[in-house]
Protein backbone atom coordinates (compact mmCIF):
# COMPACT_ATOMS: atom_id res chain seq x y z
CA MET A 1 -31.40 -4.67 -10.60
CA TYR A 2 -28.49 -2.65 -11.93
CA LEU A 3 -27.33 -2.33 -15.53
CA ILE A 4 -23.59 -2.28 -16.20
CA ILE A 5 -22.20 -1.28 -19.58
CA SER A 6 -18.55 -2.25 -19.88
CA ASP A 7 -16.07 -1.72 -22.71
CA GLY A 8 -12.32 -1.97 -23.14
CA GLY A 9 -10.07 -1.23 -26.05
CA HIS A 10 -6.58 -0.69 -27.41
CA ARG A 11 -5.20 2.36 -29.14
CA SER A 12 -1.65 3.46 -29.89
CA GLY A 13 -0.19 0.62 -27.82
CA ILE A 14 -2.22 1.47 -24.70
CA THR A 15 -5.19 -0.46 -23.31
CA TYR A 16 -8.05 1.35 -21.62
CA GLY A 17 -11.62 0.83 -20.49
CA SER A 18 -14.70 2.43 -19.04
CA PHE A 19 -17.97 1.39 -17.50
CA LYS A 20 -21.21 2.96 -16.37
CA ILE A 21 -23.69 1.54 -13.92
CA PHE A 22 -27.36 2.50 -14.06
CA ASN A 23 -29.98 1.96 -11.36
CA GLU A 24 -33.55 0.77 -11.99
CA ASP A 25 -34.66 4.34 -12.74
CA GLY A 26 -32.02 4.67 -15.46
CA ASP A 27 -29.87 7.06 -13.46
CA VAL A 28 -26.09 6.76 -13.72
CA VAL A 29 -24.79 5.75 -10.29
CA ALA A 30 -21.18 5.14 -11.34
CA HIS A 31 -18.91 6.02 -14.25
CA LYS A 32 -15.28 4.95 -14.24
CA GLN A 33 -12.53 5.29 -16.85
CA MET A 34 -9.26 3.38 -16.61
CA VAL A 35 -5.93 3.06 -18.39
CA PHE A 36 -4.29 -0.34 -18.05
CA GLY A 37 -1.10 0.08 -20.06
CA VAL A 38 0.29 -2.44 -22.51
CA GLY A 39 -1.94 -5.32 -23.57
CA THR A 40 -4.51 -6.48 -26.06
CA SER A 41 -8.01 -5.20 -26.68
CA ASN A 42 -9.38 -8.53 -25.45
CA LEU A 43 -7.50 -8.19 -22.18
CA ALA A 44 -8.79 -4.62 -21.86
CA GLU A 45 -12.36 -5.91 -22.28
CA TYR A 46 -11.78 -8.41 -19.49
CA LEU A 47 -10.03 -5.97 -17.15
CA THR A 48 -12.82 -3.43 -17.53
CA LEU A 49 -15.43 -6.10 -16.83
CA ILE A 50 -13.49 -7.25 -13.75
CA ASN A 51 -13.31 -3.69 -12.44
CA SER A 52 -17.02 -3.08 -13.03
CA LEU A 53 -18.00 -6.29 -11.23
CA LYS A 54 -15.67 -5.52 -8.30
CA TYR A 55 -17.18 -2.05 -8.02
CA ALA A 56 -20.72 -3.43 -8.03
CA ILE A 57 -19.83 -5.97 -5.33
CA VAL A 58 -18.26 -3.34 -3.06
CA GLN A 59 -21.33 -1.14 -3.50
CA GLY A 60 -23.65 -3.99 -2.49
CA MET A 61 -25.32 -4.40 -5.86
CA ASN A 62 -26.65 -7.97 -5.68
CA GLU A 63 -28.39 -8.21 -9.04
CA VAL A 64 -26.79 -7.01 -12.26
CA VAL A 65 -27.13 -7.30 -16.00
CA VAL A 66 -23.88 -6.56 -17.82
CA MET A 67 -23.78 -5.43 -21.44
CA VAL A 68 -20.61 -5.95 -23.45
CA ASP A 69 -19.86 -5.74 -27.16
CA SER A 70 -17.23 -8.48 -27.01
CA ALA A 71 -18.51 -11.84 -28.23
CA LEU A 72 -15.19 -13.34 -27.18
CA VAL A 73 -15.59 -12.30 -23.54
CA LEU A 74 -19.23 -13.36 -23.41
CA HIS A 75 -18.64 -16.81 -24.90
CA GLN A 76 -15.40 -17.54 -23.04
CA VAL A 77 -16.96 -16.66 -19.69
CA ALA A 78 -20.01 -18.80 -20.51
CA GLY A 79 -17.76 -21.71 -21.53
CA ASP A 80 -19.04 -21.82 -25.10
CA TRP A 81 -15.61 -20.97 -26.53
CA SER A 82 -12.22 -22.21 -25.38
CA THR A 83 -9.65 -19.83 -23.94
CA ASN A 84 -6.09 -20.54 -25.04
CA ASP A 85 -4.12 -17.44 -24.05
CA GLU A 86 -2.77 -17.61 -20.48
CA HIS A 87 -3.50 -13.96 -19.73
CA LEU A 88 -7.10 -14.39 -20.87
CA ILE A 89 -7.55 -17.64 -18.92
CA PHE A 90 -6.65 -15.80 -15.72
CA ALA A 91 -9.03 -12.94 -16.57
CA ARG A 92 -11.85 -15.29 -17.57
CA ASP A 93 -11.51 -17.22 -14.32
CA LYS A 94 -11.51 -13.99 -12.31
CA VAL A 95 -14.78 -12.92 -13.98
CA ARG A 96 -16.31 -16.31 -13.21
CA ASP A 97 -15.26 -16.00 -9.55
CA LEU A 98 -16.71 -12.49 -9.28
CA ILE A 99 -20.02 -13.57 -10.81
CA ASN A 100 -20.48 -15.99 -7.91
CA ASN A 101 -20.76 -13.01 -5.54
CA PHE A 102 -24.09 -11.91 -7.05
CA ASP A 103 -27.57 -13.24 -6.41
CA TYR A 104 -28.16 -12.66 -10.13
CA CYS A 105 -25.68 -11.79 -12.87
CA ARG A 106 -26.27 -12.04 -16.59
CA ILE A 107 -23.79 -10.96 -19.24
CA LYS A 108 -25.27 -10.17 -22.61
CA LYS A 109 -23.86 -9.09 -25.93
CA VAL A 110 -24.98 -5.80 -27.41
CA THR A 111 -23.92 -3.92 -30.51
CA ARG A 112 -20.94 -1.61 -30.61
CA ASN A 113 -23.35 1.25 -31.31
CA THR A 114 -25.23 0.54 -28.07
CA VAL A 115 -21.97 0.71 -26.11
CA LYS A 116 -20.93 3.90 -27.92
CA HIS A 117 -24.31 5.48 -27.20
CA HIS A 118 -24.06 4.87 -23.47
CA LEU A 119 -20.34 5.33 -22.90
CA GLY A 120 -19.73 8.05 -25.47
CA HIS A 121 -16.76 6.47 -27.23
């Protein structure tokens, strides 16, 4: 089982994101930082999650728990909340498709402080 911590944001008109993946021993096995360009913080959250899931799939990680601080992403992916923005519908659907590649994948909401502690921002 791998732990993925994923976070995206928006600052000064630019969207960005980063993720870390930890193995069962708590060792960091991947750390990626990305700049996406123009967009919203919600889109950045989704794009970072998409990139982290793609990375895990390519690396053969079959079981993952993903921690995010975005209630919007968590609840839209789960189907609890509706998704009205076209760019977020596409991203939500991409996350759902990627999840199907895992034997086990759970996305859970954590506090902003938890994300800051692990990602350093």
